[in-house]
Amino acid sequence: MSKIVNLLVDSEADILNKLIERMSETGLVHDLVTFFQHDAELLNMLGDRAIDGDLSIEARWRLLHTLMSTGISSCKGAEKAVESLLVSVEGDELSELKSKQDSSGDRHSMHKLIFEDIARGRLAC
């Protein structure tokens, strides 16, 4: 396991959320996701942390948006990460995640993800 992944795995939930939010603001989340796209280790860990409830809605949205906007949501590991991010929320949290994604100002809406990318098999590797 890489040192970066070890650092993130061992981080407490509030620190991990702050790291994701700060890294997203500077483009580092994009760089990390792109770097690990063929080695699903980081994406699996982040998906697991989402399922465990360790990630805030803001962190989940930033990761989901990064996966969709980098175009790697169809790569190995990314499909599972998208699934984990979506099934880790329900009710008001799901509504908040959808609102954040839909208001991001680009074409990567939740509707597009569900009814185009997933429904048409665009997430399959």
N, C-alpha and C. Protein backbone atom coordinates (compact mmCIF):
# COMPACT_ATOMS: atom_id res chain seq x y z
N MET A 1 0.85 -1.17 0.00
CA MET A 1 0.00 0.00 0.00
C MET A 1 0.90 1.24 0.00
N SER A 2 0.55 2.20 -0.80
CA SER A 2 1.37 3.40 -0.90
C SER A 2 1.29 4.23 0.38
N LYS A 3 2.27 5.09 0.57
CA LYS A 3 2.31 5.94 1.75
C LYS A 3 1.11 6.89 1.78
N ILE A 4 0.71 7.36 0.61
CA ILE A 4 -0.45 8.27 0.54
C ILE A 4 -1.70 7.56 1.01
N VAL A 5 -1.93 6.36 0.51
CA VAL A 5 -3.12 5.61 0.91
C VAL A 5 -3.06 5.27 2.38
N ASN A 6 -1.87 4.89 2.88
CA ASN A 6 -1.72 4.61 4.31
C ASN A 6 -2.10 5.82 5.15
N LEU A 7 -1.64 6.98 4.74
CA LEU A 7 -1.95 8.22 5.46
C LEU A 7 -3.46 8.45 5.51
N LEU A 8 -4.12 8.27 4.37
CA LEU A 8 -5.56 8.49 4.31
C LEU A 8 -6.34 7.43 5.08
N VAL A 9 -5.91 6.17 4.99
CA VAL A 9 -6.57 5.07 5.71
C VAL A 9 -6.52 5.31 7.21
N ASP A 10 -5.39 5.77 7.68
CA ASP A 10 -5.18 5.94 9.12
C ASP A 10 -5.75 7.25 9.68
N SER A 11 -6.25 8.11 8.80
CA SER A 11 -6.77 9.41 9.25
C SER A 11 -8.12 9.25 9.92
N GLU A 12 -8.33 10.05 10.96
CA GLU A 12 -9.65 10.10 11.59
C GLU A 12 -10.62 10.74 10.60
N ALA A 13 -11.90 10.46 10.78
CA ALA A 13 -12.92 10.90 9.83
C ALA A 13 -12.90 12.41 9.60
N ASP A 14 -12.83 13.20 10.66
CA ASP A 14 -12.88 14.66 10.48
C ASP A 14 -11.64 15.17 9.74
N ILE A 15 -10.50 14.56 9.99
CA ILE A 15 -9.28 14.96 9.28
C ILE A 15 -9.36 14.54 7.81
N LEU A 16 -9.85 13.33 7.56
CA LEU A 16 -10.00 12.86 6.18
C LEU A 16 -10.94 13.78 5.40
N ASN A 17 -12.04 14.17 6.00
CA ASN A 17 -12.97 15.08 5.33
C ASN A 17 -12.30 16.41 4.99
N LYS A 18 -11.56 16.96 5.94
CA LYS A 18 -10.85 18.23 5.69
C LYS A 18 -9.81 18.06 4.60
N LEU A 19 -9.09 16.94 4.61
CA LEU A 19 -8.09 16.69 3.57
C LEU A 19 -8.74 16.63 2.19
N ILE A 20 -9.84 15.89 2.08
CA ILE A 20 -10.52 15.77 0.78
C ILE A 20 -11.01 17.13 0.32
N GLU A 21 -11.60 17.90 1.23
CA GLU A 21 -12.12 19.21 0.85
C GLU A 21 -10.99 20.15 0.41
N ARG A 22 -9.90 20.19 1.15
CA ARG A 22 -8.77 21.05 0.80
C ARG A 22 -8.09 20.58 -0.49
N MET A 23 -7.91 19.26 -0.59
CA MET A 23 -7.26 18.71 -1.78
C MET A 23 -8.11 18.95 -3.02
N SER A 24 -9.42 18.93 -2.87
CA SER A 24 -10.31 19.18 -3.99
C SER A 24 -10.18 20.63 -4.46
N GLU A 25 -10.07 21.54 -3.51
CA GLU A 25 -9.95 22.96 -3.84
C GLU A 25 -8.69 23.25 -4.64
N THR A 26 -7.64 22.49 -4.42
CA THR A 26 -6.36 22.73 -5.09
C THR A 26 -6.13 21.82 -6.29
N GLY A 27 -7.06 20.91 -6.55
CA GLY A 27 -6.90 20.00 -7.67
C GLY A 27 -6.17 18.72 -7.34
N LEU A 28 -5.74 18.56 -6.09
CA LEU A 28 -5.00 17.35 -5.72
C LEU A 28 -5.86 16.10 -5.72
N VAL A 29 -7.15 16.21 -5.42
CA VAL A 29 -8.02 15.03 -5.47
C VAL A 29 -8.06 14.52 -6.91
N HIS A 30 -8.19 15.42 -7.86
CA HIS A 30 -8.17 15.04 -9.28
C HIS A 30 -6.87 14.31 -9.60
N ASP A 31 -5.75 14.86 -9.16
CA ASP A 31 -4.45 14.24 -9.43
C ASP A 31 -4.33 12.86 -8.80
N LEU A 32 -4.78 12.72 -7.55
CA LEU A 32 -4.72 11.42 -6.86
C LEU A 32 -5.60 10.39 -7.54
N VAL A 33 -6.84 10.78 -7.86
CA VAL A 33 -7.77 9.86 -8.50
C VAL A 33 -7.22 9.42 -9.85
N THR A 34 -6.68 10.36 -10.61
CA THR A 34 -6.10 10.03 -11.91
C THR A 34 -4.92 9.10 -11.75
N PHE A 35 -4.07 9.36 -10.76
CA PHE A 35 -2.88 8.53 -10.52
C PHE A 35 -3.27 7.10 -10.15
N PHE A 36 -4.32 6.96 -9.32
CA PHE A 36 -4.71 5.64 -8.83
C PHE A 36 -5.80 4.98 -9.67
N GLN A 37 -6.13 5.53 -10.83
CA GLN A 37 -7.24 4.98 -11.60
C GLN A 37 -7.03 3.54 -12.03
N HIS A 38 -5.81 3.12 -12.23
CA HIS A 38 -5.56 1.74 -12.65
C HIS A 38 -5.16 0.86 -11.47
N ASP A 39 -5.05 1.46 -10.30
CA ASP A 39 -4.77 0.73 -9.06
C ASP A 39 -5.88 1.15 -8.10
N ALA A 40 -6.87 0.33 -7.98
CA ALA A 40 -8.11 0.69 -7.30
C ALA A 40 -7.96 0.86 -5.79
N GLU A 41 -6.77 0.74 -5.27
CA GLU A 41 -6.53 0.80 -3.83
C GLU A 41 -7.11 2.06 -3.17
N LEU A 42 -6.78 3.21 -3.67
CA LEU A 42 -7.28 4.47 -3.10
C LEU A 42 -8.79 4.57 -3.24
N LEU A 43 -9.29 4.28 -4.42
CA LEU A 43 -10.73 4.38 -4.66
C LEU A 43 -11.52 3.41 -3.79
N ASN A 44 -11.01 2.19 -3.62
CA ASN A 44 -11.67 1.22 -2.74
C ASN A 44 -11.70 1.71 -1.30
N MET A 45 -10.57 2.26 -0.84
CA MET A 45 -10.50 2.76 0.53
C MET A 45 -11.49 3.90 0.74
N LEU A 46 -11.55 4.84 -0.21
CA LEU A 46 -12.46 5.96 -0.07
C LEU A 46 -13.92 5.50 -0.13
N GLY A 47 -14.20 4.54 -0.99
CA GLY A 47 -15.55 3.97 -1.04
C GLY A 47 -15.92 3.29 0.26
N ASP A 48 -14.98 2.54 0.82
CA ASP A 48 -15.22 1.87 2.11
C ASP A 48 -15.46 2.89 3.22
N ARG A 49 -14.68 3.97 3.21
CA ARG A 49 -14.86 5.00 4.25
C ARG A 49 -16.22 5.69 4.10
N ALA A 50 -16.70 5.82 2.86
CA ALA A 50 -18.04 6.39 2.64
C ALA A 50 -19.10 5.45 3.20
N ILE A 51 -18.98 4.16 2.89
CA ILE A 51 -19.94 3.16 3.40
C ILE A 51 -19.94 3.15 4.92
N ASP A 52 -18.77 3.28 5.52
CA ASP A 52 -18.66 3.28 6.98
C ASP A 52 -19.20 4.55 7.61
N GLY A 53 -19.55 5.53 6.80
CA GLY A 53 -20.11 6.78 7.32
C GLY A 53 -19.05 7.79 7.74
N ASP A 54 -17.80 7.56 7.34
CA ASP A 54 -16.72 8.46 7.74
C ASP A 54 -16.62 9.73 6.92
N LEU A 55 -17.25 9.74 5.75
CA LEU A 55 -17.12 10.90 4.87
C LEU A 55 -18.35 11.79 4.97
N SER A 56 -18.10 13.08 5.04
CA SER A 56 -19.19 14.06 5.05
C SER A 56 -19.83 14.10 3.66
N ILE A 57 -21.00 14.71 3.59
CA ILE A 57 -21.67 14.87 2.30
C ILE A 57 -20.80 15.71 1.37
N GLU A 58 -20.17 16.73 1.93
CA GLU A 58 -19.28 17.58 1.13
C GLU A 58 -18.14 16.76 0.53
N ALA A 59 -17.51 15.91 1.33
CA ALA A 59 -16.40 15.07 0.84
C ALA A 59 -16.90 14.07 -0.19
N ARG A 60 -18.05 13.47 0.07
CA ARG A 60 -18.62 12.51 -0.90
C ARG A 60 -18.91 13.20 -2.23
N TRP A 61 -19.49 14.39 -2.16
CA TRP A 61 -19.79 15.12 -3.38
C TRP A 61 -18.51 15.47 -4.13
N ARG A 62 -17.50 15.94 -3.43
CA ARG A 62 -16.25 16.31 -4.10
C ARG A 62 -15.62 15.10 -4.79
N LEU A 63 -15.68 13.95 -4.14
CA LEU A 63 -15.14 12.73 -4.76
C LEU A 63 -15.99 12.30 -5.96
N LEU A 64 -17.30 12.30 -5.79
CA LEU A 64 -18.20 11.93 -6.89
C LEU A 64 -18.00 12.86 -8.08
N HIS A 65 -17.97 14.15 -7.80
CA HIS A 65 -17.79 15.13 -8.87
C HIS A 65 -16.44 14.94 -9.57
N THR A 66 -15.40 14.65 -8.80
CA THR A 66 -14.08 14.41 -9.39
C THR A 66 -14.11 13.19 -10.29
N LEU A 67 -14.74 12.11 -9.83
CA LEU A 67 -14.82 10.89 -10.64
C LEU A 67 -15.58 11.15 -11.94
N MET A 68 -16.65 11.90 -11.86
CA MET A 68 -17.45 12.18 -13.06
C MET A 68 -16.74 13.15 -14.00
N SER A 69 -16.15 14.19 -13.46
CA SER A 69 -15.57 15.23 -14.32
C SER A 69 -14.23 14.83 -14.92
N THR A 70 -13.52 13.89 -14.31
CA THR A 70 -12.26 13.44 -14.89
C THR A 70 -12.48 12.43 -15.99
N GLY A 71 -13.71 11.92 -16.09
CA GLY A 71 -14.01 10.95 -17.12
C GLY A 71 -13.49 9.56 -16.81
N ILE A 72 -13.04 9.34 -15.58
CA ILE A 72 -12.53 8.01 -15.26
C ILE A 72 -13.55 7.17 -14.51
N SER A 73 -14.79 7.63 -14.47
CA SER A 73 -15.80 6.85 -13.78
C SER A 73 -16.01 5.51 -14.47
N SER A 74 -15.43 5.33 -15.63
CA SER A 74 -15.54 4.05 -16.32
C SER A 74 -14.31 3.17 -16.09
N CYS A 75 -13.36 3.62 -15.31
CA CYS A 75 -12.13 2.87 -15.10
C CYS A 75 -12.27 1.89 -13.94
N LYS A 76 -11.38 0.94 -13.94
CA LYS A 76 -11.35 -0.09 -12.90
C LYS A 76 -11.32 0.56 -11.52
N GLY A 77 -12.21 0.16 -10.68
CA GLY A 77 -12.27 0.67 -9.32
C GLY A 77 -13.16 1.90 -9.17
N ALA A 78 -13.20 2.73 -10.19
CA ALA A 78 -13.99 3.95 -10.09
C ALA A 78 -15.48 3.65 -10.07
N GLU A 79 -15.91 2.66 -10.82
CA GLU A 79 -17.33 2.29 -10.83
C GLU A 79 -17.77 1.87 -9.44
N LYS A 80 -16.97 1.08 -8.76
CA LYS A 80 -17.27 0.64 -7.40
C LYS A 80 -17.28 1.83 -6.44
N ALA A 81 -16.35 2.75 -6.63
CA ALA A 81 -16.30 3.95 -5.78
C ALA A 81 -17.56 4.79 -5.97
N VAL A 82 -18.00 4.96 -7.21
CA VAL A 82 -19.25 5.71 -7.48
C VAL A 82 -20.41 5.01 -6.80
N GLU A 83 -20.48 3.69 -6.94
CA GLU A 83 -21.55 2.93 -6.29
C GLU A 83 -21.52 3.13 -4.78
N SER A 84 -20.34 3.03 -4.18
CA SER A 84 -20.21 3.20 -2.73
C SER A 84 -20.64 4.58 -2.28
N LEU A 85 -20.25 5.60 -3.05
CA LEU A 85 -20.63 6.97 -2.70
C LEU A 85 -22.15 7.15 -2.77
N LEU A 86 -22.79 6.50 -3.73
CA LEU A 86 -24.24 6.65 -3.87
C LEU A 86 -25.02 5.85 -2.83
N VAL A 87 -24.61 4.61 -2.57
CA VAL A 87 -25.37 3.79 -1.63
C VAL A 87 -25.06 4.12 -0.17
N SER A 88 -24.08 4.98 0.06
CA SER A 88 -23.73 5.34 1.43
C SER A 88 -24.62 6.44 1.99
N VAL A 89 -25.54 6.95 1.16
CA VAL A 89 -26.44 8.01 1.60
C VAL A 89 -27.88 7.63 1.29
N GLU A 90 -28.78 8.19 2.07
CA GLU A 90 -30.21 8.01 1.82
C GLU A 90 -30.95 9.20 2.40
N GLY A 91 -32.19 9.33 2.02
CA GLY A 91 -33.04 10.40 2.56
C GLY A 91 -32.47 11.79 2.30
N ASP A 92 -32.42 12.59 3.37
CA ASP A 92 -31.96 13.97 3.26
C ASP A 92 -30.52 14.07 2.76
N GLU A 93 -29.67 13.12 3.19
CA GLU A 93 -28.28 13.14 2.73
C GLU A 93 -28.19 12.91 1.22
N LEU A 94 -29.00 12.00 0.70
CA LEU A 94 -29.03 11.75 -0.74
C LEU A 94 -29.52 12.99 -1.48
N SER A 95 -30.54 13.65 -0.94
CA SER A 95 -31.04 14.88 -1.55
C SER A 95 -29.97 15.97 -1.57
N GLU A 96 -29.22 16.07 -0.47
CA GLU A 96 -28.16 17.07 -0.40
C GLU A 96 -27.04 16.75 -1.40
N LEU A 97 -26.66 15.47 -1.50
CA LEU A 97 -25.63 15.06 -2.46
C LEU A 97 -26.09 15.37 -3.89
N LYS A 98 -27.34 15.05 -4.19
CA LYS A 98 -27.89 15.33 -5.52
C LYS A 98 -27.90 16.83 -5.80
N SER A 99 -28.32 17.62 -4.83
CA SER A 99 -28.36 19.08 -5.01
C SER A 99 -26.97 19.64 -5.29
N LYS A 100 -25.98 19.17 -4.54
CA LYS A 100 -24.61 19.64 -4.75
C LYS A 100 -24.12 19.27 -6.14
N GLN A 101 -24.38 18.03 -6.55
CA GLN A 101 -23.91 17.57 -7.86
C GLN A 101 -24.63 18.33 -8.98
N ASP A 102 -25.94 18.51 -8.83
CA ASP A 102 -26.71 19.18 -9.87
C ASP A 102 -26.41 20.68 -9.97
N SER A 103 -25.95 21.28 -8.90
CA SER A 103 -25.68 22.72 -8.91
C SER A 103 -24.21 23.03 -9.14
N SER A 104 -23.44 22.04 -9.56
CA SER A 104 -22.00 22.25 -9.73
C SER A 104 -21.66 23.10 -10.95
N GLY A 105 -22.64 23.35 -11.80
CA GLY A 105 -22.42 24.26 -12.91
C GLY A 105 -21.84 23.62 -14.16
N ASP A 106 -21.82 22.31 -14.22
CA ASP A 106 -21.36 21.66 -15.44
C ASP A 106 -22.36 20.57 -15.84
N ARG A 107 -22.03 19.79 -16.82
CA ARG A 107 -22.96 18.80 -17.36
C ARG A 107 -23.04 17.52 -16.54
N HIS A 108 -22.28 17.42 -15.48
CA HIS A 108 -22.21 16.19 -14.70
C HIS A 108 -23.27 16.18 -13.59
N SER A 109 -24.52 16.07 -14.00
CA SER A 109 -25.62 16.04 -13.03
C SER A 109 -25.86 14.62 -12.54
N MET A 110 -26.58 14.50 -11.47
CA MET A 110 -26.96 13.19 -10.95
C MET A 110 -27.86 12.47 -11.96
N HIS A 111 -28.71 13.24 -12.63
CA HIS A 111 -29.58 12.66 -13.65
C HIS A 111 -28.74 12.01 -14.75
N LYS A 112 -27.71 12.70 -15.22
CA LYS A 112 -26.83 12.15 -16.25
C LYS A 112 -26.16 10.87 -15.76
N LEU A 113 -25.68 10.89 -14.52
CA LEU A 113 -25.01 9.71 -13.97
C LEU A 113 -25.94 8.50 -13.94
N ILE A 114 -27.14 8.69 -13.41
CA ILE A 114 -28.08 7.58 -13.23
C ILE A 114 -28.69 7.13 -14.56
N PHE A 115 -29.20 8.08 -15.34
CA PHE A 115 -29.99 7.71 -16.51
C PHE A 115 -29.20 7.62 -17.82
N GLU A 116 -27.99 8.11 -17.83
CA GLU A 116 -27.17 7.97 -19.03
C GLU A 116 -25.97 7.07 -18.78
N ASP A 117 -25.12 7.47 -17.86
CA ASP A 117 -23.87 6.73 -17.65
C ASP A 117 -24.13 5.31 -17.13
N ILE A 118 -24.93 5.17 -16.11
CA ILE A 118 -25.18 3.84 -15.52
C ILE A 118 -26.16 3.06 -16.39
N ALA A 119 -27.29 3.68 -16.76
CA ALA A 119 -28.32 2.99 -17.53
C ALA A 119 -27.82 2.48 -18.88
N ARG A 120 -26.90 3.21 -19.48
CA ARG A 120 -26.38 2.82 -20.79
C ARG A 120 -25.09 2.03 -20.69
N GLY A 121 -24.69 1.70 -19.48
CA GLY A 121 -23.49 0.88 -19.29
C GLY A 121 -22.19 1.61 -19.53
N ARG A 122 -22.20 2.92 -19.44
CA ARG A 122 -20.98 3.68 -19.66
C ARG A 122 -20.00 3.56 -18.51
N LEU A 123 -20.46 3.03 -17.39
CA LEU A 123 -19.55 2.85 -16.27
C LEU A 123 -18.85 1.49 -16.31
N ALA A 124 -19.28 0.63 -17.19
CA ALA A 124 -18.67 -0.69 -17.27
C ALA A 124 -17.30 -0.58 -17.92
N CYS A 125 -16.31 -1.26 -17.32
CA CYS A 125 -14.95 -1.21 -17.85
C CYS A 125 -14.77 -2.23 -18.95
